[in-house]
Amino acid sequence: MISIEGIEDATSAQGYAGALLTTRRDAIALEPGEYLDDDLIGCELRGVDGRDYGVVDRVEHFPASDMLVVKGKMVPMVRAIVVEIALHRQTILIDPPAGLLD
């Protein structure tokens, strides 16, 4: 949710329908456990067993969960699978169920 100075109702906001809104990166306050797509793209995806799955190409957003896309395969960003996100090391540690990335 955002608010725009001078826009008080839905009728006034109609002029912004379809607009691309941007802000400075340092103006975004993230809570613990929240990440921007740009932070995750390029991270190495590694299994708890030491397996290297590749690099996150993009993040897709679906109603059930966000998905990390690596080599065309999707990894749900759920606690049962994503064990650790270490942005300072650019790594994401996962514990995928059998067959997810085969």
PDB file of N, CA and C in Angstrom:
ATOM      1  N   MET A   1       0.842  -1.179   0.000  1.00  0.00           N
ATOM      2  CA  MET A   1       0.000   0.000   0.000  1.00  0.00           C
ATOM      3  C   MET A   1       0.883   1.236   0.000  1.00  0.00           C
ATOM      4  N   ILE A   2       0.455   2.193  -0.763  1.00  0.00           N
ATOM      5  CA  ILE A   2       1.155   3.467  -0.791  1.00  0.00           C
ATOM      6  C   ILE A   2       0.132   4.589  -0.692  1.00  0.00           C
ATOM      7  N   SER A   3       0.618   5.737  -0.364  1.00  0.00           N
ATOM      8  CA  SER A   3      -0.219   6.934  -0.441  1.00  0.00           C
ATOM      9  C   SER A   3       0.543   7.965  -1.255  1.00  0.00           C
ATOM     10  N   ILE A   4      -0.210   8.769  -2.005  1.00  0.00           N
ATOM     11  CA  ILE A   4       0.371   9.811  -2.842  1.00  0.00           C
ATOM     12  C   ILE A   4      -0.230  11.130  -2.402  1.00  0.00           C
ATOM     13  N   GLU A   5       0.621  12.058  -2.099  1.00  0.00           N
ATOM     14  CA  GLU A   5       0.156  13.366  -1.646  1.00  0.00           C
ATOM     15  C   GLU A   5      -0.809  13.962  -2.672  1.00  0.00           C
ATOM     16  N   GLY A   6      -1.959  14.410  -2.195  1.00  0.00           N
ATOM     17  CA  GLY A   6      -2.963  15.019  -3.056  1.00  0.00           C
ATOM     18  C   GLY A   6      -3.969  14.039  -3.635  1.00  0.00           C
ATOM     19  N   ILE A   7      -3.730  12.748  -3.469  1.00  0.00           N
ATOM     20  CA  ILE A   7      -4.663  11.724  -3.953  1.00  0.00           C
ATOM     21  C   ILE A   7      -5.399  11.176  -2.736  1.00  0.00           C
ATOM     22  N   GLU A   8      -6.685  11.498  -2.651  1.00  0.00           N
ATOM     23  CA  GLU A   8      -7.459  11.151  -1.453  1.00  0.00           C
ATOM     24  C   GLU A   8      -8.498  10.055  -1.672  1.00  0.00           C
ATOM     25  N   ASP A   9      -8.822   9.738  -2.932  1.00  0.00           N
ATOM     26  CA  ASP A   9      -9.859   8.732  -3.182  1.00  0.00           C
ATOM     27  C   ASP A   9      -9.559   7.970  -4.474  1.00  0.00           C
ATOM     28  N   ALA A  10     -10.368   6.948  -4.724  1.00  0.00           N
ATOM     29  CA  ALA A  10     -10.143   6.082  -5.888  1.00  0.00           C
ATOM     30  C   ALA A  10     -10.284   6.845  -7.204  1.00  0.00           C
ATOM     31  N   THR A  11     -11.189   7.800  -7.249  1.00  0.00           N
ATOM     32  CA  THR A  11     -11.370   8.565  -8.477  1.00  0.00           C
ATOM     33  C   THR A  11     -10.119   9.374  -8.798  1.00  0.00           C
ATOM     34  N   SER A  12      -9.528   9.982  -7.798  1.00  0.00           N
ATOM     35  CA  SER A  12      -8.302  10.752  -7.997  1.00  0.00           C
ATOM     36  C   SER A  12      -7.133   9.853  -8.387  1.00  0.00           C
ATOM     37  N   ALA A  13      -7.130   8.622  -7.889  1.00  0.00           N
ATOM     38  CA  ALA A  13      -6.037   7.687  -8.173  1.00  0.00           C
ATOM     39  C   ALA A  13      -6.156   7.068  -9.559  1.00  0.00           C
ATOM     40  N   GLN A  14      -7.309   7.151 -10.181  1.00  0.00           N
ATOM     41  CA  GLN A  14      -7.533   6.517 -11.479  1.00  0.00           C
ATOM     42  C   GLN A  14      -6.497   6.944 -12.517  1.00  0.00           C
ATOM     43  N   GLY A  15      -6.022   8.166 -12.451  1.00  0.00           N
ATOM     44  CA  GLY A  15      -5.020   8.647 -13.401  1.00  0.00           C
ATOM     45  C   GLY A  15      -3.686   7.928 -13.300  1.00  0.00           C
ATOM     46  N   TYR A  16      -3.469   7.220 -12.210  1.00  0.00           N
ATOM     47  CA  TYR A  16      -2.220   6.476 -12.015  1.00  0.00           C
ATOM     48  C   TYR A  16      -2.353   5.005 -12.412  1.00  0.00           C
ATOM     49  N   ALA A  17      -3.531   4.575 -12.849  1.00  0.00           N
ATOM     50  CA  ALA A  17      -3.727   3.171 -13.235  1.00  0.00           C
ATOM     51  C   ALA A  17      -2.749   2.806 -14.343  1.00  0.00           C
ATOM     52  N   GLY A  18      -2.007   1.730 -14.135  1.00  0.00           N
ATOM     53  CA  GLY A  18      -1.035   1.257 -15.117  1.00  0.00           C
ATOM     54  C   GLY A  18       0.307   1.958 -15.060  1.00  0.00           C
ATOM     55  N   ALA A  19       0.444   2.924 -14.167  1.00  0.00           N
ATOM     56  CA  ALA A  19       1.713   3.664 -14.071  1.00  0.00           C
ATOM     57  C   ALA A  19       2.777   2.817 -13.383  1.00  0.00           C
ATOM     58  N   LEU A  20       4.020   3.061 -13.736  1.00  0.00           N
ATOM     59  CA  LEU A  20       5.149   2.426 -13.074  1.00  0.00           C
ATOM     60  C   LEU A  20       5.660   3.389 -12.014  1.00  0.00           C
ATOM     61  N   LEU A  21       5.581   2.969 -10.765  1.00  0.00           N
ATOM     62  CA  LEU A  21       6.060   3.793  -9.662  1.00  0.00           C
ATOM     63  C   LEU A  21       7.425   3.285  -9.225  1.00  0.00           C
ATOM     64  N   THR A  22       8.350   4.180  -9.021  1.00  0.00           N
ATOM     65  CA  THR A  22       9.697   3.810  -8.584  1.00  0.00           C
ATOM     66  C   THR A  22      10.081   4.620  -7.358  1.00  0.00           C
ATOM     67  N   THR A  23      11.104   4.149  -6.684  1.00  0.00           N
ATOM     68  CA  THR A  23      11.647   4.866  -5.531  1.00  0.00           C
ATOM     69  C   THR A  23      13.133   4.538  -5.424  1.00  0.00           C
ATOM     70  N   ARG A  24      13.816   5.278  -4.608  1.00  0.00           N
ATOM     71  CA  ARG A  24      15.231   4.989  -4.361  1.00  0.00           C
ATOM     72  C   ARG A  24      15.338   3.722  -3.511  1.00  0.00           C
ATOM     73  N   ARG A  25      16.369   2.956  -3.768  1.00  0.00           N
ATOM     74  CA  ARG A  25      16.591   1.715  -3.024  1.00  0.00           C
ATOM     75  C   ARG A  25      16.693   1.970  -1.518  1.00  0.00           C
ATOM     76  N   ASP A  26      17.374   3.046  -1.142  1.00  0.00           N
ATOM     77  CA  ASP A  26      17.554   3.319   0.290  1.00  0.00           C
ATOM     78  C   ASP A  26      16.267   3.799   0.967  1.00  0.00           C
ATOM     79  N   ALA A  27      15.207   4.021   0.202  1.00  0.00           N
ATOM     80  CA  ALA A  27      13.929   4.427   0.773  1.00  0.00           C
ATOM     81  C   ALA A  27      13.050   3.224   1.112  1.00  0.00           C
ATOM     82  N   ILE A  28      13.517   2.021   0.786  1.00  0.00           N
ATOM     83  CA  ILE A  28      12.740   0.806   1.023  1.00  0.00           C
ATOM     84  C   ILE A  28      13.174   0.188   2.348  1.00  0.00           C
ATOM     85  N   ALA A  29      12.231   0.075   3.254  1.00  0.00           N
ATOM     86  CA  ALA A  29      12.509  -0.536   4.558  1.00  0.00           C
ATOM     87  C   ALA A  29      12.015  -1.977   4.534  1.00  0.00           C
ATOM     88  N   LEU A  30      12.930  -2.916   4.647  1.00  0.00           N
ATOM     89  CA  LEU A  30      12.577  -4.331   4.653  1.00  0.00           C
ATOM     90  C   LEU A  30      12.584  -4.868   6.077  1.00  0.00           C
ATOM     91  N   GLU A  31      11.637  -5.712   6.349  1.00  0.00           N
ATOM     92  CA  GLU A  31      11.583  -6.406   7.633  1.00  0.00           C
ATOM     93  C   GLU A  31      12.501  -7.629   7.560  1.00  0.00           C
ATOM     94  N   PRO A  32      12.905  -8.193   8.693  1.00  0.00           N
ATOM     95  CA  PRO A  32      13.696  -9.427   8.657  1.00  0.00           C
ATOM     96  C   PRO A  32      12.933 -10.505   7.873  1.00  0.00           C
ATOM     97  N   GLY A  33      13.636 -11.193   6.995  1.00  0.00           N
ATOM     98  CA  GLY A  33      13.018 -12.230   6.186  1.00  0.00           C
ATOM     99  C   GLY A  33      12.376 -11.723   4.910  1.00  0.00           C
ATOM    100  N   GLU A  34      12.448 -10.417   4.650  1.00  0.00           N
ATOM    101  CA  GLU A  34      11.949  -9.855   3.402  1.00  0.00           C
ATOM    102  C   GLU A  34      13.125  -9.548   2.488  1.00  0.00           C
ATOM    103  N   TYR A  35      12.929  -9.787   1.188  1.00  0.00           N
ATOM    104  CA  TYR A  35      14.008  -9.592   0.229  1.00  0.00           C
ATOM    105  C   TYR A  35      13.444  -8.970  -1.036  1.00  0.00           C
ATOM    106  N   LEU A  36      14.256  -8.203  -1.705  1.00  0.00           N
ATOM    107  CA  LEU A  36      13.897  -7.696  -3.018  1.00  0.00           C
ATOM    108  C   LEU A  36      14.336  -8.719  -4.056  1.00  0.00           C
ATOM    109  N   ASP A  37      13.578  -8.826  -5.138  1.00  0.00           N
ATOM    110  CA  ASP A  37      13.939  -9.771  -6.196  1.00  0.00           C
ATOM    111  C   ASP A  37      15.377  -9.559  -6.646  1.00  0.00           C
ATOM    112  N   ASP A  38      15.773  -8.305  -6.815  1.00  0.00           N
ATOM    113  CA  ASP A  38      17.133  -8.005  -7.284  1.00  0.00           C
ATOM    114  C   ASP A  38      18.207  -8.539  -6.351  1.00  0.00           C
ATOM    115  N   ASP A  39      17.886  -8.665  -5.051  1.00  0.00           N
ATOM    116  CA  ASP A  39      18.860  -9.203  -4.097  1.00  0.00           C
ATOM    117  C   ASP A  39      19.044 -10.706  -4.283  1.00  0.00           C
ATOM    118  N   LEU A  40      17.995 -11.397  -4.710  1.00  0.00           N
ATOM    119  CA  LEU A  40      18.036 -12.852  -4.834  1.00  0.00           C
ATOM    120  C   LEU A  40      18.592 -13.309  -6.177  1.00  0.00           C
ATOM    121  N   ILE A  41      18.352 -12.504  -7.212  1.00  0.00           N
ATOM    122  CA  ILE A  41      18.850 -12.849  -8.551  1.00  0.00           C
ATOM    123  C   ILE A  41      20.380 -12.828  -8.540  1.00  0.00           C
ATOM    124  N   GLY A  42      20.977 -13.907  -9.018  1.00  0.00           N
ATOM    125  CA  GLY A  42      22.433 -14.021  -9.026  1.00  0.00           C
ATOM    126  C   GLY A  42      22.990 -14.792  -7.850  1.00  0.00           C
ATOM    127  N   CYS A  43      22.145 -15.103  -6.858  1.00  0.00           N
ATOM    128  CA  CYS A  43      22.614 -15.903  -5.719  1.00  0.00           C
ATOM    129  C   CYS A  43      22.808 -17.355  -6.143  1.00  0.00           C
ATOM    130  N   GLU A  44      23.826 -17.993  -5.575  1.00  0.00           N
ATOM    131  CA  GLU A  44      24.074 -19.422  -5.801  1.00  0.00           C
ATOM    132  C   GLU A  44      23.079 -20.219  -4.967  1.00  0.00           C
ATOM    133  N   LEU A  45      22.435 -21.190  -5.593  1.00  0.00           N
ATOM    134  CA  LEU A  45      21.505 -22.070  -4.899  1.00  0.00           C
ATOM    135  C   LEU A  45      22.242 -23.346  -4.552  1.00  0.00           C
ATOM    136  N   ARG A  46      22.328 -23.648  -3.268  1.00  0.00           N
ATOM    137  CA  ARG A  46      23.076 -24.827  -2.810  1.00  0.00           C
ATOM    138  C   ARG A  46      22.212 -25.682  -1.902  1.00  0.00           C
ATOM    139  N   GLY A  47      22.390 -26.968  -2.021  1.00  0.00           N
ATOM    140  CA  GLY A  47      21.658 -27.900  -1.176  1.00  0.00           C
ATOM    141  C   GLY A  47      22.356 -28.109   0.151  1.00  0.00           C
ATOM    142  N   VAL A  48      21.599 -28.538   1.144  1.00  0.00           N
ATOM    143  CA  VAL A  48      22.187 -28.843   2.451  1.00  0.00           C
ATOM    144  C   VAL A  48      23.181 -29.991   2.341  1.00  0.00           C
ATOM    145  N   ASP A  49      23.063 -30.774   1.263  1.00  0.00           N
ATOM    146  CA  ASP A  49      23.989 -31.886   1.022  1.00  0.00           C
ATOM    147  C   ASP A  49      25.245 -31.445   0.276  1.00  0.00           C
ATOM    148  N   GLY A  50      25.361 -30.132   0.006  1.00  0.00           N
ATOM    149  CA  GLY A  50      26.531 -29.607  -0.682  1.00  0.00           C
ATOM    150  C   GLY A  50      26.374 -29.484  -2.186  1.00  0.00           C
ATOM    151  N   ARG A  51      25.279 -29.977  -2.713  1.00  0.00           N
ATOM    152  CA  ARG A  51      25.058 -29.914  -4.167  1.00  0.00           C
ATOM    153  C   ARG A  51      24.872 -28.468  -4.632  1.00  0.00           C
ATOM    154  N   ASP A  52      25.448 -28.148  -5.777  1.00  0.00           N
ATOM    155  CA  ASP A  52      25.314 -26.819  -6.379  1.00  0.00           C
ATOM    156  C   ASP A  52      24.252 -26.904  -7.468  1.00  0.00           C
ATOM    157  N   TYR A  53      23.178 -26.149  -7.314  1.00  0.00           N
ATOM    158  CA  TYR A  53      22.067 -26.200  -8.264  1.00  0.00           C
ATOM    159  C   TYR A  53      22.145 -25.106  -9.330  1.00  0.00           C
ATOM    160  N   GLY A  54      23.004 -24.144  -9.154  1.00  0.00           N
ATOM    161  CA  GLY A  54      23.117 -23.064 -10.128  1.00  0.00           C
ATOM    162  C   GLY A  54      22.790 -21.718  -9.522  1.00  0.00           C
ATOM    163  N   VAL A  55      22.557 -20.766 -10.395  1.00  0.00           N
ATOM    164  CA  VAL A  55      22.342 -19.380  -9.992  1.00  0.00           C
ATOM    165  C   VAL A  55      20.880 -19.010 -10.220  1.00  0.00           C
ATOM    166  N   VAL A  56      20.311 -18.249  -9.290  1.00  0.00           N
ATOM    167  CA  VAL A  56      18.930 -17.784  -9.431  1.00  0.00           C
ATOM    168  C   VAL A  56      18.860 -16.827 -10.617  1.00  0.00           C
ATOM    169  N   ASP A  57      18.048 -17.195 -11.615  1.00  0.00           N
ATOM    170  CA  ASP A  57      17.882 -16.385 -12.820  1.00  0.00           C
ATOM    171  C   ASP A  57      16.840 -15.286 -12.628  1.00  0.00           C
ATOM    172  N   ARG A  58      15.776 -15.645 -11.926  1.00  0.00           N
ATOM    173  CA  ARG A  58      14.705 -14.674 -11.699  1.00  0.00           C
ATOM    174  C   ARG A  58      13.826 -15.166 -10.553  1.00  0.00           C
ATOM    175  N   VAL A  59      12.914 -14.305 -10.134  1.00  0.00           N
ATOM    176  CA  VAL A  59      11.938 -14.644  -9.103  1.00  0.00           C
ATOM    177  C   VAL A  59      10.556 -14.466  -9.721  1.00  0.00           C
ATOM    178  N   GLU A  60       9.718 -15.486  -9.597  1.00  0.00           N
ATOM    179  CA  GLU A  60       8.337 -15.426 -10.077  1.00  0.00           C
ATOM    180  C   GLU A  60       7.424 -15.348  -8.860  1.00  0.00           C
ATOM    181  N   HIS A  61       6.323 -14.640  -9.015  1.00  0.00           N
ATOM    182  CA  HIS A  61       5.386 -14.455  -7.904  1.00  0.00           C
ATOM    183  C   HIS A  61       4.055 -15.125  -8.226  1.00  0.00           C
ATOM    184  N   PHE A  62       3.656 -16.044  -7.350  1.00  0.00           N
ATOM    185  CA  PHE A  62       2.405 -16.775  -7.484  1.00  0.00           C
ATOM    186  C   PHE A  62       1.624 -16.647  -6.183  1.00  0.00           C
ATOM    187  N   PRO A  63       0.309 -16.865  -6.220  1.00  0.00           N
ATOM    188  CA  PRO A  63      -0.486 -16.729  -4.995  1.00  0.00           C
ATOM    189  C   PRO A  63      -0.019 -17.622  -3.844  1.00  0.00           C
ATOM    190  N   ALA A  64       0.378 -18.851  -4.148  1.00  0.00           N
ATOM    191  CA  ALA A  64       0.772 -19.779  -3.085  1.00  0.00           C
ATOM    192  C   ALA A  64       2.136 -19.454  -2.499  1.00  0.00           C
ATOM    193  N   SER A  65       3.079 -19.044  -3.351  1.00  0.00           N
ATOM    194  CA  SER A  65       4.414 -18.681  -2.869  1.00  0.00           C
ATOM    195  C   SER A  65       5.202 -18.057  -4.006  1.00  0.00           C
ATOM    196  N   ASP A  66       6.263 -17.368  -3.635  1.00  0.00           N
ATOM    197  CA  ASP A  66       7.209 -16.880  -4.628  1.00  0.00           C
ATOM    198  C   ASP A  66       8.082 -18.060  -5.031  1.00  0.00           C
ATOM    199  N   MET A  67       8.616 -18.002  -6.241  1.00  0.00           N
ATOM    200  CA  MET A  67       9.447 -19.092  -6.754  1.00  0.00           C
ATOM    201  C   MET A  67      10.783 -18.556  -7.232  1.00  0.00           C
ATOM    202  N   LEU A  68      11.851 -19.236  -6.827  1.00  0.00           N
ATOM    203  CA  LEU A  68      13.176 -18.971  -7.369  1.00  0.00           C
ATOM    204  C   LEU A  68      13.302 -19.792  -8.643  1.00  0.00           C
ATOM    205  N   VAL A  69      13.726 -19.181  -9.730  1.00  0.00           N
ATOM    206  CA  VAL A  69      13.878 -19.905 -10.989  1.00  0.00           C
ATOM    207  C   VAL A  69      15.367 -20.098 -11.255  1.00  0.00           C
ATOM    208  N   VAL A  70      15.763 -21.368 -11.362  1.00  0.00           N
ATOM    209  CA  VAL A  70      17.161 -21.746 -11.593  1.00  0.00           C
ATOM    210  C   VAL A  70      17.183 -22.761 -12.729  1.00  0.00           C
ATOM    211  N   LYS A  71      17.867 -22.406 -13.808  1.00  0.00           N
ATOM    212  CA  LYS A  71      17.967 -23.286 -14.979  1.00  0.00           C
ATOM    213  C   LYS A  71      16.583 -23.762 -15.446  1.00  0.00           C
ATOM    214  N   GLY A  72      15.614 -22.861 -15.411  1.00  0.00           N
ATOM    215  CA  GLY A  72      14.264 -23.173 -15.864  1.00  0.00           C
ATOM    216  C   GLY A  72      13.409 -23.932 -14.872  1.00  0.00           C
ATOM    217  N   LYS A  73      13.958 -24.312 -13.742  1.00  0.00           N
ATOM    218  CA  LYS A  73      13.198 -25.047 -12.726  1.00  0.00           C
ATOM    219  C   LYS A  73      12.817 -24.105 -11.591  1.00  0.00           C
ATOM    220  N   MET A  74      11.661 -24.358 -10.976  1.00  0.00           N
ATOM    221  CA  MET A  74      11.148 -23.488  -9.927  1.00  0.00           C
ATOM    222  C   MET A  74      11.317 -24.111  -8.549  1.00  0.00           C
ATOM    223  N   VAL A  75      11.777 -23.271  -7.618  1.00  0.00           N
ATOM    224  CA  VAL A  75      11.944 -23.684  -6.232  1.00  0.00           C
ATOM    225  C   VAL A  75      11.041 -22.797  -5.375  1.00  0.00           C
ATOM    226  N   PRO A  76      10.032 -23.380  -4.712  1.00  0.00           N
ATOM    227  CA  PRO A  76       9.155 -22.571  -3.871  1.00  0.00           C
ATOM    228  C   PRO A  76       9.927 -21.940  -2.711  1.00  0.00           C
ATOM    229  N   MET A  77       9.664 -20.666  -2.485  1.00  0.00           N
ATOM    230  CA  MET A  77      10.305 -19.977  -1.359  1.00  0.00           C
ATOM    231  C   MET A  77       9.454 -20.173  -0.105  1.00  0.00           C
ATOM    232  N   VAL A  78       9.524 -21.390   0.432  1.00  0.00           N
ATOM    233  CA  VAL A  78       8.804 -21.748   1.651  1.00  0.00           C
ATOM    234  C   VAL A  78       9.816 -22.239   2.673  1.00  0.00           C
ATOM    235  N   ARG A  79       9.488 -22.066   3.937  1.00  0.00           N
ATOM    236  CA  ARG A  79      10.427 -22.427   5.016  1.00  0.00           C
ATOM    237  C   ARG A  79      10.828 -23.896   4.987  1.00  0.00           C
ATOM    238  N   ALA A  80       9.956 -24.754   4.514  1.00  0.00           N
ATOM    239  CA  ALA A  80      10.274 -26.184   4.467  1.00  0.00           C
ATOM    240  C   ALA A  80      11.393 -26.495   3.469  1.00  0.00           C
ATOM    241  N   ILE A  81      11.618 -25.592   2.517  1.00  0.00           N
ATOM    242  CA  ILE A  81      12.642 -25.833   1.494  1.00  0.00           C
ATOM    243  C   ILE A  81      13.811 -24.861   1.619  1.00  0.00           C
ATOM    244  N   VAL A  82      13.532 -23.580   1.774  1.00  0.00           N
ATOM    245  CA  VAL A  82      14.597 -22.580   1.873  1.00  0.00           C
ATOM    246  C   VAL A  82      15.064 -22.518   3.332  1.00  0.00           C
ATOM    247  N   VAL A  83      16.269 -22.997   3.557  1.00  0.00           N
ATOM    248  CA  VAL A  83      16.831 -23.097   4.902  1.00  0.00           C
ATOM    249  C   VAL A  83      17.475 -21.783   5.334  1.00  0.00           C
ATOM    250  N   GLU A  84      18.210 -21.146   4.408  1.00  0.00           N
ATOM    251  CA  GLU A  84      18.945 -19.927   4.754  1.00  0.00           C
ATOM    252  C   GLU A  84      19.161 -19.080   3.504  1.00  0.00           C
ATOM    253  N   ILE A  85      18.990 -17.784   3.663  1.00  0.00           N
ATOM    254  CA  ILE A  85      19.338 -16.826   2.615  1.00  0.00           C
ATOM    255  C   ILE A  85      20.441 -15.958   3.184  1.00  0.00           C
ATOM    256  N   ALA A  86      21.630 -16.046   2.611  1.00  0.00           N
ATOM    257  CA  ALA A  86      22.793 -15.289   3.082  1.00  0.00           C
ATOM    258  C   ALA A  86      23.213 -14.323   1.981  1.00  0.00           C
ATOM    259  N   LEU A  87      22.604 -13.155   1.970  1.00  0.00           N
ATOM    260  CA  LEU A  87      22.888 -12.183   0.916  1.00  0.00           C
ATOM    261  C   LEU A  87      24.342 -11.736   0.924  1.00  0.00           C
ATOM    262  N   HIS A  88      24.952 -11.660   2.107  1.00  0.00           N
ATOM    263  CA  HIS A  88      26.350 -11.226   2.183  1.00  0.00           C
ATOM    264  C   HIS A  88      27.297 -12.215   1.492  1.00  0.00           C
ATOM    265  N   ARG A  89      26.873 -13.481   1.378  1.00  0.00           N
ATOM    266  CA  ARG A  89      27.656 -14.497   0.652  1.00  0.00           C
ATOM    267  C   ARG A  89      27.058 -14.799  -0.720  1.00  0.00           C
ATOM    268  N   GLN A  90      25.931 -14.205  -0.998  1.00  0.00           N
ATOM    269  CA  GLN A  90      25.177 -14.450  -2.245  1.00  0.00           C
ATOM    270  C   GLN A  90      24.869 -15.923  -2.417  1.00  0.00           C
ATOM    271  N   THR A  91      24.392 -16.551  -1.331  1.00  0.00           N
ATOM    272  CA  THR A  91      24.012 -17.958  -1.379  1.00  0.00           C
ATOM    273  C   THR A  91      22.637 -18.159  -0.754  1.00  0.00           C
ATOM    274  N   ILE A  92      21.939 -19.139  -1.288  1.00  0.00           N
ATOM    275  CA  ILE A  92      20.665 -19.566  -0.724  1.00  0.00           C
ATOM    276  C   ILE A  92      20.793 -21.069  -0.496  1.00  0.00           C
ATOM    277  N   LEU A  93      20.615 -21.486   0.743  1.00  0.00           N
ATOM    278  CA  LEU A  93      20.721 -22.888   1.121  1.00  0.00           C
ATOM    279  C   LEU A  93      19.324 -23.490   1.123  1.00  0.00           C
ATOM    280  N   ILE A  94      19.181 -24.620   0.419  1.00  0.00           N
ATOM    281  CA  ILE A  94      17.874 -25.268   0.341  1.00  0.00           C
ATOM    282  C   ILE A  94      17.951 -26.736   0.731  1.00  0.00           C
ATOM    283  N   ASP A  95      16.794 -27.269   1.135  1.00  0.00           N
ATOM    284  CA  ASP A  95      16.638 -28.686   1.429  1.00  0.00           C
ATOM    285  C   ASP A  95      15.450 -29.165   0.591  1.00  0.00           C
ATOM    286  N   PRO A  96      15.706 -29.391  -0.712  1.00  0.00           N
ATOM    287  CA  PRO A  96      14.584 -29.720  -1.608  1.00  0.00           C
ATOM    288  C   PRO A  96      14.091 -31.137  -1.446  1.00  0.00           C
ATOM    289  N   PRO A  97      12.798 -31.333  -1.629  1.00  0.00           N
ATOM    290  CA  PRO A  97      12.291 -32.723  -1.619  1.00  0.00           C
ATOM    291  C   PRO A  97      12.800 -33.461  -2.852  1.00  0.00           C
ATOM    292  N   ALA A  98      12.876 -34.751  -2.763  1.00  0.00           N
ATOM    293  CA  ALA A  98      13.365 -35.581  -3.866  1.00  0.00           C
ATOM    294  C   ALA A  98      12.592 -35.269  -5.148  1.00  0.00           C
ATOM    295  N   GLY A  99      13.322 -35.088  -6.246  1.00  0.00           N
ATOM    296  CA  GLY A  99      12.728 -34.870  -7.543  1.00  0.00           C
ATOM    297  C   GLY A  99      12.417 -33.428  -7.901  1.00  0.00           C
ATOM    298  N   LEU A 100      12.518 -32.510  -6.969  1.00  0.00           N
ATOM    299  CA  LEU A 100      12.173 -31.114  -7.257  1.00  0.00           C
ATOM    300  C   LEU A 100      13.051 -30.514  -8.332  1.00  0.00           C
ATOM    301  N   LEU A 101      14.341 -30.776  -8.287  1.00  0.00           N
ATOM    302  CA  LEU A 101      15.271 -30.159  -9.222  1.00  0.00           C
ATOM    303  C   LEU A 101      15.945 -31.164 -10.160  1.00  0.00           C
ATOM    304  N   ASP A 102      15.409 -32.357 -10.243  1.00  0.00           N
ATOM    305  CA  ASP A 102      15.984 -33.381 -11.135  1.00  0.00           C
ATOM    306  C   ASP A 102      15.515 -33.186 -12.560  1.00  0.00           C
TER     307      ASP A 102
END
